[in-house]
Amino acid sequence: LVAAIEAGWFSVVETILEFVACGRASLNIVCHEWTPKGIGGAGLRGSYTALDVARLYHRDDIRRLLLAHGALTASELPRTQRENPFHVRKNQDRGDNNERSWERKENEDRYADFTFVDWGEEVQMDEEMELAVQEVSKELKKMSALSQADYSSAFK
């Protein structure tokens, strides 16, 4: 959703919001840009949502659409407790496991909203998402045949 907003792909945003409307996706997810030191940093955003990105990129038409679907800013949502994914991955790669008992001691949302996929790995999608990606691909291929002026206006 964030990438579609950044690119100005209104139709992709609409498609994702259809998933939100039927309960198959979440709209108010707080995203973070991480470094090994933590959230944010030089040139990185701290906490943000799709609505924050629409405002940042001046996508007023998308912003209005998101607001109509109940989008909130990161400052309006509760702060989640997450482990730094760089630390989690480092520990996973070493095989470290700090849990010595059967009791779960971590936060329920420890891995919420982020997934580890190595570059080049195939991401698993259900049929509905595969269809959405295929439709977006078709739309983008059609746009590549446009003149530069038409191509630029297609993002608006």
N, C-alpha and C. Protein backbone atom coordinates (compact mmCIF):
# COMPACT_ATOMS: atom_id res chain seq x y z
N LEU A 1 0.83 -1.19 0.00
CA LEU A 1 0.00 0.00 0.00
C LEU A 1 0.87 1.25 0.00
N VAL A 2 1.89 1.26 0.84
CA VAL A 2 2.77 2.43 0.92
C VAL A 2 3.46 2.66 -0.42
N ALA A 3 3.95 1.61 -1.05
CA ALA A 3 4.63 1.76 -2.34
C ALA A 3 3.67 2.30 -3.39
N ALA A 4 2.42 1.83 -3.38
CA ALA A 4 1.42 2.31 -4.34
C ALA A 4 1.12 3.79 -4.11
N ILE A 5 1.08 4.20 -2.86
CA ILE A 5 0.84 5.62 -2.54
C ILE A 5 2.02 6.46 -3.00
N GLU A 6 3.23 6.00 -2.69
CA GLU A 6 4.43 6.74 -3.11
C GLU A 6 4.46 6.92 -4.62
N ALA A 7 4.08 5.88 -5.37
CA ALA A 7 4.09 5.93 -6.83
C ALA A 7 2.87 6.67 -7.39
N GLY A 8 1.86 6.89 -6.57
CA GLY A 8 0.66 7.57 -7.03
C GLY A 8 -0.29 6.67 -7.80
N TRP A 9 -0.24 5.36 -7.56
CA TRP A 9 -1.08 4.41 -8.27
C TRP A 9 -2.44 4.31 -7.58
N PHE A 10 -3.32 5.20 -7.95
CA PHE A 10 -4.64 5.29 -7.33
C PHE A 10 -5.40 3.98 -7.44
N SER A 11 -5.37 3.36 -8.63
CA SER A 11 -6.13 2.12 -8.83
C SER A 11 -5.61 0.98 -7.96
N VAL A 12 -4.30 0.94 -7.71
CA VAL A 12 -3.74 -0.09 -6.84
C VAL A 12 -4.19 0.16 -5.40
N VAL A 13 -4.18 1.42 -4.99
CA VAL A 13 -4.66 1.77 -3.65
C VAL A 13 -6.13 1.36 -3.50
N GLU A 14 -6.94 1.63 -4.52
CA GLU A 14 -8.35 1.23 -4.48
C GLU A 14 -8.49 -0.28 -4.33
N THR A 15 -7.68 -1.02 -5.05
CA THR A 15 -7.73 -2.49 -4.98
C THR A 15 -7.37 -2.97 -3.58
N ILE A 16 -6.33 -2.41 -3.00
CA ILE A 16 -5.94 -2.81 -1.65
C ILE A 16 -7.02 -2.44 -0.64
N LEU A 17 -7.66 -1.29 -0.83
CA LEU A 17 -8.73 -0.87 0.07
C LEU A 17 -9.95 -1.78 -0.04
N GLU A 18 -10.12 -2.45 -1.17
CA GLU A 18 -11.19 -3.46 -1.29
C GLU A 18 -10.89 -4.62 -0.34
N PHE A 19 -9.62 -5.02 -0.24
CA PHE A 19 -9.23 -6.06 0.72
C PHE A 19 -9.50 -5.59 2.14
N VAL A 20 -9.23 -4.32 2.41
CA VAL A 20 -9.47 -3.76 3.74
C VAL A 20 -10.96 -3.80 4.05
N ALA A 21 -11.78 -3.40 3.07
CA ALA A 21 -13.23 -3.32 3.28
C ALA A 21 -13.83 -4.69 3.61
N CYS A 22 -13.26 -5.74 3.04
CA CYS A 22 -13.82 -7.08 3.31
C CYS A 22 -13.06 -7.80 4.44
N GLY A 23 -12.18 -7.07 5.13
CA GLY A 23 -11.50 -7.64 6.29
C GLY A 23 -10.31 -8.52 5.99
N ARG A 24 -9.79 -8.46 4.77
CA ARG A 24 -8.66 -9.32 4.40
C ARG A 24 -7.31 -8.60 4.47
N ALA A 25 -7.36 -7.32 4.83
CA ALA A 25 -6.13 -6.54 4.99
C ALA A 25 -6.38 -5.48 6.05
N SER A 26 -5.31 -4.96 6.60
CA SER A 26 -5.42 -3.92 7.62
C SER A 26 -4.92 -2.60 7.06
N LEU A 27 -5.61 -1.54 7.38
CA LEU A 27 -5.25 -0.23 6.86
C LEU A 27 -4.32 0.52 7.81
N ASN A 28 -4.58 0.43 9.09
CA ASN A 28 -3.85 1.23 10.06
C ASN A 28 -2.70 0.46 10.68
N ILE A 29 -1.72 0.17 9.85
CA ILE A 29 -0.50 -0.51 10.27
C ILE A 29 0.59 0.55 10.44
N VAL A 30 1.24 0.54 11.57
CA VAL A 30 2.33 1.48 11.80
C VAL A 30 3.61 0.84 11.29
N CYS A 31 4.24 1.50 10.33
CA CYS A 31 5.49 1.03 9.74
C CYS A 31 6.67 1.75 10.38
N HIS A 32 7.81 1.11 10.34
CA HIS A 32 9.04 1.70 10.87
C HIS A 32 10.16 1.43 9.87
N GLU A 33 11.08 2.36 9.76
CA GLU A 33 12.32 2.11 9.03
C GLU A 33 13.38 1.89 10.09
N TRP A 34 14.02 0.73 10.02
CA TRP A 34 14.93 0.28 11.07
C TRP A 34 16.39 0.40 10.65
N THR A 35 17.22 0.59 11.63
CA THR A 35 18.66 0.45 11.50
C THR A 35 19.09 -0.52 12.60
N PRO A 36 20.33 -0.98 12.57
CA PRO A 36 20.77 -1.84 13.68
C PRO A 36 20.66 -1.15 15.05
N LYS A 37 20.63 0.19 15.07
CA LYS A 37 20.52 0.92 16.33
C LYS A 37 19.07 1.09 16.78
N GLY A 38 18.10 0.95 15.88
CA GLY A 38 16.70 1.11 16.26
C GLY A 38 15.86 1.75 15.18
N ILE A 39 14.71 2.29 15.58
CA ILE A 39 13.76 2.89 14.64
C ILE A 39 14.26 4.26 14.21
N GLY A 40 14.15 4.52 12.90
CA GLY A 40 14.51 5.83 12.37
C GLY A 40 16.01 6.02 12.30
N GLY A 41 16.39 7.25 12.09
CA GLY A 41 17.80 7.57 11.98
C GLY A 41 18.00 8.52 10.82
N ALA A 42 19.23 8.79 10.50
CA ALA A 42 19.55 9.74 9.44
C ALA A 42 18.93 9.30 8.11
N GLY A 43 18.07 10.13 7.58
CA GLY A 43 17.45 9.85 6.28
C GLY A 43 16.34 8.82 6.32
N LEU A 44 15.98 8.33 7.49
CA LEU A 44 14.93 7.32 7.61
C LEU A 44 13.72 7.88 8.36
N ARG A 45 12.56 7.34 8.04
CA ARG A 45 11.35 7.72 8.76
C ARG A 45 11.24 6.88 10.02
N GLY A 46 10.65 7.47 11.03
CA GLY A 46 10.39 6.71 12.25
C GLY A 46 9.11 5.91 12.08
N SER A 47 8.06 6.30 12.75
CA SER A 47 6.76 5.61 12.67
C SER A 47 5.88 6.32 11.66
N TYR A 48 5.22 5.55 10.77
CA TYR A 48 4.33 6.14 9.79
C TYR A 48 3.29 5.13 9.34
N THR A 49 2.18 5.65 8.82
CA THR A 49 1.12 4.81 8.25
C THR A 49 0.92 5.21 6.79
N ALA A 50 0.01 4.53 6.13
CA ALA A 50 -0.31 4.87 4.74
C ALA A 50 -0.79 6.32 4.64
N LEU A 51 -1.58 6.77 5.60
CA LEU A 51 -2.08 8.14 5.58
C LEU A 51 -0.94 9.14 5.71
N ASP A 52 0.03 8.85 6.57
CA ASP A 52 1.20 9.73 6.71
C ASP A 52 1.95 9.84 5.38
N VAL A 53 2.09 8.72 4.68
CA VAL A 53 2.80 8.71 3.40
C VAL A 53 2.03 9.51 2.36
N ALA A 54 0.71 9.37 2.33
CA ALA A 54 -0.09 10.14 1.38
C ALA A 54 0.07 11.64 1.61
N ARG A 55 0.13 12.05 2.86
CA ARG A 55 0.35 13.47 3.17
C ARG A 55 1.77 13.89 2.78
N LEU A 56 2.76 13.07 3.08
CA LEU A 56 4.15 13.38 2.77
C LEU A 56 4.36 13.57 1.27
N TYR A 57 3.71 12.72 0.46
CA TYR A 57 3.87 12.77 -0.99
C TYR A 57 2.83 13.65 -1.67
N HIS A 58 2.03 14.36 -0.90
CA HIS A 58 1.00 15.27 -1.43
C HIS A 58 0.04 14.57 -2.38
N ARG A 59 -0.34 13.36 -2.02
CA ARG A 59 -1.32 12.59 -2.81
C ARG A 59 -2.70 12.87 -2.22
N ASP A 60 -3.22 14.05 -2.49
CA ASP A 60 -4.48 14.48 -1.87
C ASP A 60 -5.66 13.59 -2.23
N ASP A 61 -5.72 13.12 -3.48
CA ASP A 61 -6.82 12.25 -3.87
C ASP A 61 -6.76 10.92 -3.10
N ILE A 62 -5.57 10.38 -2.95
CA ILE A 62 -5.40 9.14 -2.19
C ILE A 62 -5.65 9.38 -0.71
N ARG A 63 -5.18 10.52 -0.20
CA ARG A 63 -5.39 10.86 1.21
C ARG A 63 -6.89 10.91 1.53
N ARG A 64 -7.67 11.54 0.65
CA ARG A 64 -9.13 11.60 0.86
C ARG A 64 -9.74 10.20 0.85
N LEU A 65 -9.28 9.36 -0.06
CA LEU A 65 -9.77 7.99 -0.14
C LEU A 65 -9.43 7.21 1.13
N LEU A 66 -8.21 7.36 1.61
CA LEU A 66 -7.80 6.68 2.85
C LEU A 66 -8.63 7.16 4.04
N LEU A 67 -8.83 8.46 4.14
CA LEU A 67 -9.64 9.00 5.24
C LEU A 67 -11.07 8.46 5.19
N ALA A 68 -11.61 8.32 3.98
CA ALA A 68 -12.97 7.78 3.82
C ALA A 68 -13.05 6.33 4.30
N HIS A 69 -11.93 5.62 4.27
CA HIS A 69 -11.89 4.23 4.73
C HIS A 69 -11.42 4.11 6.18
N GLY A 70 -11.26 5.24 6.86
CA GLY A 70 -10.92 5.20 8.29
C GLY A 70 -9.44 5.19 8.60
N ALA A 71 -8.61 5.67 7.69
CA ALA A 71 -7.17 5.67 7.93
C ALA A 71 -6.81 6.64 9.05
N LEU A 72 -5.77 6.28 9.80
CA LEU A 72 -5.27 7.11 10.89
C LEU A 72 -3.78 7.35 10.69
N THR A 73 -3.26 8.37 11.36
CA THR A 73 -1.83 8.63 11.32
C THR A 73 -1.15 7.80 12.40
N ALA A 74 0.15 7.66 12.31
CA ALA A 74 0.90 6.88 13.31
C ALA A 74 0.75 7.47 14.71
N SER A 75 0.66 8.79 14.79
CA SER A 75 0.53 9.43 16.11
C SER A 75 -0.83 9.15 16.74
N GLU A 76 -1.82 8.76 15.94
CA GLU A 76 -3.16 8.46 16.46
C GLU A 76 -3.30 7.00 16.90
N LEU A 77 -2.34 6.18 16.58
CA LEU A 77 -2.42 4.75 16.88
C LEU A 77 -1.53 4.40 18.07
N PRO A 78 -1.90 3.32 18.80
CA PRO A 78 -1.05 2.93 19.93
C PRO A 78 0.32 2.47 19.46
N ARG A 79 1.30 2.76 20.25
CA ARG A 79 2.68 2.37 19.93
C ARG A 79 2.84 0.88 20.20
N THR A 80 3.42 0.17 19.26
CA THR A 80 3.63 -1.26 19.43
C THR A 80 5.04 -1.53 19.91
N GLN A 81 5.20 -2.61 20.65
CA GLN A 81 6.51 -3.02 21.14
C GLN A 81 7.06 -4.08 20.19
N ARG A 82 8.11 -3.75 19.50
CA ARG A 82 8.73 -4.69 18.58
C ARG A 82 10.22 -4.77 18.85
N GLU A 83 10.75 -5.95 18.63
CA GLU A 83 12.20 -6.10 18.70
C GLU A 83 12.79 -5.59 17.40
N ASN A 84 14.00 -5.10 17.50
CA ASN A 84 14.71 -4.63 16.32
C ASN A 84 14.92 -5.84 15.39
N PRO A 85 14.41 -5.79 14.15
CA PRO A 85 14.54 -6.95 13.26
C PRO A 85 15.98 -7.30 12.92
N PHE A 86 16.89 -6.33 12.99
CA PHE A 86 18.30 -6.63 12.77
C PHE A 86 18.82 -7.55 13.88
N HIS A 87 18.40 -7.27 15.13
CA HIS A 87 18.82 -8.11 16.25
C HIS A 87 18.17 -9.50 16.17
N VAL A 88 16.89 -9.53 15.83
CA VAL A 88 16.17 -10.80 15.71
C VAL A 88 16.84 -11.68 14.66
N ARG A 89 17.13 -11.09 13.50
CA ARG A 89 17.74 -11.86 12.41
C ARG A 89 19.14 -12.35 12.80
N LYS A 90 19.90 -11.48 13.45
CA LYS A 90 21.25 -11.86 13.88
C LYS A 90 21.19 -13.05 14.82
N ASN A 91 20.25 -13.00 15.78
CA ASN A 91 20.09 -14.11 16.72
C ASN A 91 19.62 -15.37 16.01
N GLN A 92 18.69 -15.22 15.06
CA GLN A 92 18.20 -16.38 14.31
C GLN A 92 19.34 -17.03 13.53
N ASP A 93 20.15 -16.20 12.88
CA ASP A 93 21.26 -16.73 12.09
C ASP A 93 22.29 -17.45 12.95
N ARG A 94 22.48 -17.00 14.19
CA ARG A 94 23.41 -17.65 15.11
C ARG A 94 22.79 -18.88 15.77
N GLY A 95 21.46 -19.00 15.68
CA GLY A 95 20.78 -20.11 16.33
C GLY A 95 20.51 -19.86 17.79
N ASP A 96 20.66 -18.61 18.22
CA ASP A 96 20.42 -18.27 19.62
C ASP A 96 18.93 -18.27 19.93
N ASN A 97 18.62 -18.77 21.11
CA ASN A 97 17.24 -18.77 21.59
C ASN A 97 17.31 -18.48 23.08
N ASN A 98 16.86 -17.29 23.46
CA ASN A 98 16.94 -16.88 24.87
C ASN A 98 15.87 -17.54 25.72
N GLU A 99 14.88 -18.13 25.11
CA GLU A 99 13.80 -18.74 25.87
C GLU A 99 14.24 -20.13 26.33
N ARG A 100 14.32 -20.30 27.64
CA ARG A 100 14.78 -21.58 28.20
C ARG A 100 13.63 -22.41 28.76
N SER A 101 12.43 -21.86 28.77
CA SER A 101 11.29 -22.61 29.30
C SER A 101 10.18 -22.65 28.25
N TRP A 102 9.13 -23.37 28.56
CA TRP A 102 8.01 -23.50 27.63
C TRP A 102 7.13 -22.27 27.62
N GLU A 103 7.24 -21.40 28.64
CA GLU A 103 6.36 -20.24 28.73
C GLU A 103 6.77 -19.17 27.73
N ARG A 104 5.77 -18.59 27.10
CA ARG A 104 6.03 -17.53 26.14
C ARG A 104 6.19 -16.21 26.90
N LYS A 105 7.32 -15.53 26.68
CA LYS A 105 7.60 -14.30 27.41
C LYS A 105 7.62 -13.08 26.51
N GLU A 106 7.41 -13.25 25.24
CA GLU A 106 7.51 -12.14 24.30
C GLU A 106 6.17 -11.42 24.15
N ASN A 107 6.22 -10.26 23.54
CA ASN A 107 5.01 -9.52 23.24
C ASN A 107 4.23 -10.25 22.16
N GLU A 108 2.92 -10.15 22.21
CA GLU A 108 2.08 -10.83 21.22
C GLU A 108 2.35 -10.31 19.81
N ASP A 109 2.75 -9.04 19.68
CA ASP A 109 2.95 -8.47 18.35
C ASP A 109 4.43 -8.41 17.96
N ARG A 110 5.23 -9.29 18.55
CA ARG A 110 6.67 -9.26 18.31
C ARG A 110 7.01 -9.22 16.82
N TYR A 111 6.38 -10.05 16.05
CA TYR A 111 6.68 -10.10 14.62
C TYR A 111 5.58 -9.46 13.78
N ALA A 112 4.67 -8.75 14.40
CA ALA A 112 3.58 -8.13 13.64
C ALA A 112 4.15 -7.15 12.62
N ASP A 113 3.61 -7.22 11.44
CA ASP A 113 3.87 -6.24 10.39
C ASP A 113 5.26 -6.29 9.76
N PHE A 114 6.08 -7.30 10.07
CA PHE A 114 7.30 -7.43 9.29
C PHE A 114 7.60 -8.90 9.04
N THR A 115 8.21 -9.17 7.90
CA THR A 115 8.51 -10.52 7.48
C THR A 115 9.94 -10.54 6.98
N PHE A 116 10.65 -11.60 7.27
CA PHE A 116 11.99 -11.76 6.73
C PHE A 116 11.91 -12.57 5.44
N VAL A 117 12.32 -11.96 4.36
CA VAL A 117 12.43 -12.66 3.09
C VAL A 117 13.77 -12.25 2.50
N ASP A 118 14.61 -13.22 2.24
CA ASP A 118 15.90 -12.91 1.64
C ASP A 118 15.70 -12.51 0.19
N TRP A 119 16.57 -11.61 -0.29
CA TRP A 119 16.48 -11.14 -1.65
C TRP A 119 16.52 -12.32 -2.61
N GLY A 120 15.58 -12.37 -3.52
CA GLY A 120 15.51 -13.44 -4.49
C GLY A 120 14.61 -14.59 -4.07
N GLU A 121 14.19 -14.63 -2.80
CA GLU A 121 13.27 -15.67 -2.36
C GLU A 121 11.88 -15.41 -2.93
N GLU A 122 11.16 -16.44 -3.14
CA GLU A 122 9.79 -16.32 -3.64
C GLU A 122 8.85 -16.06 -2.47
N VAL A 123 8.10 -14.98 -2.54
CA VAL A 123 7.12 -14.66 -1.49
C VAL A 123 5.86 -15.45 -1.79
N GLN A 124 5.30 -16.09 -0.77
CA GLN A 124 4.10 -16.89 -0.94
C GLN A 124 2.86 -15.99 -0.88
N MET A 125 1.98 -16.13 -1.87
CA MET A 125 0.76 -15.34 -1.93
C MET A 125 -0.42 -16.27 -2.16
N ASP A 126 -1.60 -15.86 -1.67
CA ASP A 126 -2.78 -16.64 -1.97
C ASP A 126 -3.28 -16.26 -3.37
N GLU A 127 -4.27 -16.97 -3.86
CA GLU A 127 -4.76 -16.77 -5.23
C GLU A 127 -5.26 -15.35 -5.47
N GLU A 128 -5.96 -14.81 -4.48
CA GLU A 128 -6.53 -13.47 -4.63
C GLU A 128 -5.42 -12.41 -4.78
N MET A 129 -4.36 -12.55 -4.00
CA MET A 129 -3.26 -11.60 -4.10
C MET A 129 -2.50 -11.78 -5.41
N GLU A 130 -2.33 -13.02 -5.85
CA GLU A 130 -1.67 -13.27 -7.14
C GLU A 130 -2.45 -12.61 -8.26
N LEU A 131 -3.78 -12.70 -8.22
CA LEU A 131 -4.62 -12.06 -9.23
C LEU A 131 -4.45 -10.54 -9.19
N ALA A 132 -4.41 -9.97 -8.00
CA ALA A 132 -4.22 -8.52 -7.87
C ALA A 132 -2.88 -8.09 -8.46
N VAL A 133 -1.83 -8.87 -8.18
CA VAL A 133 -0.51 -8.55 -8.71
C VAL A 133 -0.50 -8.67 -10.23
N GLN A 134 -1.16 -9.68 -10.77
CA GLN A 134 -1.24 -9.84 -12.23
C GLN A 134 -1.96 -8.65 -12.87
N GLU A 135 -3.04 -8.19 -12.25
CA GLU A 135 -3.79 -7.05 -12.79
C GLU A 135 -2.95 -5.78 -12.75
N VAL A 136 -2.21 -5.59 -11.67
CA VAL A 136 -1.34 -4.42 -11.57
C VAL A 136 -0.24 -4.50 -12.63
N SER A 137 0.31 -5.69 -12.84
CA SER A 137 1.35 -5.87 -13.86
C SER A 137 0.82 -5.52 -15.24
N LYS A 138 -0.40 -5.95 -15.55
CA LYS A 138 -1.01 -5.63 -16.85
C LYS A 138 -1.16 -4.12 -17.00
N GLU A 139 -1.63 -3.47 -15.93
CA GLU A 139 -1.82 -2.02 -15.96
C GLU A 139 -0.50 -1.30 -16.19
N LEU A 140 0.55 -1.75 -15.53
CA LEU A 140 1.85 -1.12 -15.68
C LEU A 140 2.43 -1.35 -17.08
N LYS A 141 2.21 -2.53 -17.65
CA LYS A 141 2.70 -2.80 -19.00
C LYS A 141 2.00 -1.90 -20.01
N LYS A 142 0.70 -1.68 -19.83
CA LYS A 142 -0.04 -0.76 -20.72
C LYS A 142 0.55 0.64 -20.64
N MET A 143 0.92 1.04 -19.42
CA MET A 143 1.45 2.39 -19.23
C MET A 143 2.82 2.56 -19.88
N SER A 144 3.59 1.51 -20.00
CA SER A 144 4.93 1.63 -20.56
C SER A 144 4.89 1.97 -22.05
N ALA A 145 3.76 1.74 -22.71
CA ALA A 145 3.64 2.06 -24.12
C ALA A 145 3.20 3.51 -24.36
N LEU A 146 2.91 4.24 -23.30
CA LEU A 146 2.44 5.62 -23.42
C LEU A 146 3.59 6.57 -23.70
N SER A 147 3.26 7.74 -24.24
CA SER A 147 4.26 8.78 -24.41
C SER A 147 4.67 9.28 -23.03
N GLN A 148 5.76 10.04 -22.97
CA GLN A 148 6.26 10.53 -21.68
C GLN A 148 5.22 11.39 -20.99
N ALA A 149 4.53 12.24 -21.72
CA ALA A 149 3.51 13.12 -21.12
C ALA A 149 2.33 12.30 -20.59
N ASP A 150 1.85 11.35 -21.39
CA ASP A 150 0.74 10.50 -20.95
C ASP A 150 1.15 9.62 -19.79
N TYR A 151 2.39 9.14 -19.83
CA TYR A 151 2.91 8.29 -18.75
C TYR A 151 2.92 9.06 -17.43
N SER A 152 3.40 10.30 -17.48
CA SER A 152 3.46 11.12 -16.28
C SER A 152 2.07 11.41 -15.74
N SER A 153 1.12 11.68 -16.63
CA SER A 153 -0.24 11.99 -16.16
C SER A 153 -0.97 10.74 -15.68
N ALA A 154 -0.53 9.57 -16.09
CA ALA A 154 -1.17 8.32 -15.64
C ALA A 154 -1.00 8.12 -14.15
N PHE A 155 0.08 8.67 -13.57
CA PHE A 155 0.31 8.53 -12.14
C PHE A 155 -0.60 9.47 -11.33
N LYS A 156 -1.12 10.49 -11.98
CA LYS A 156 -2.01 11.42 -11.29
C LYS A 156 -3.38 10.87 -11.29
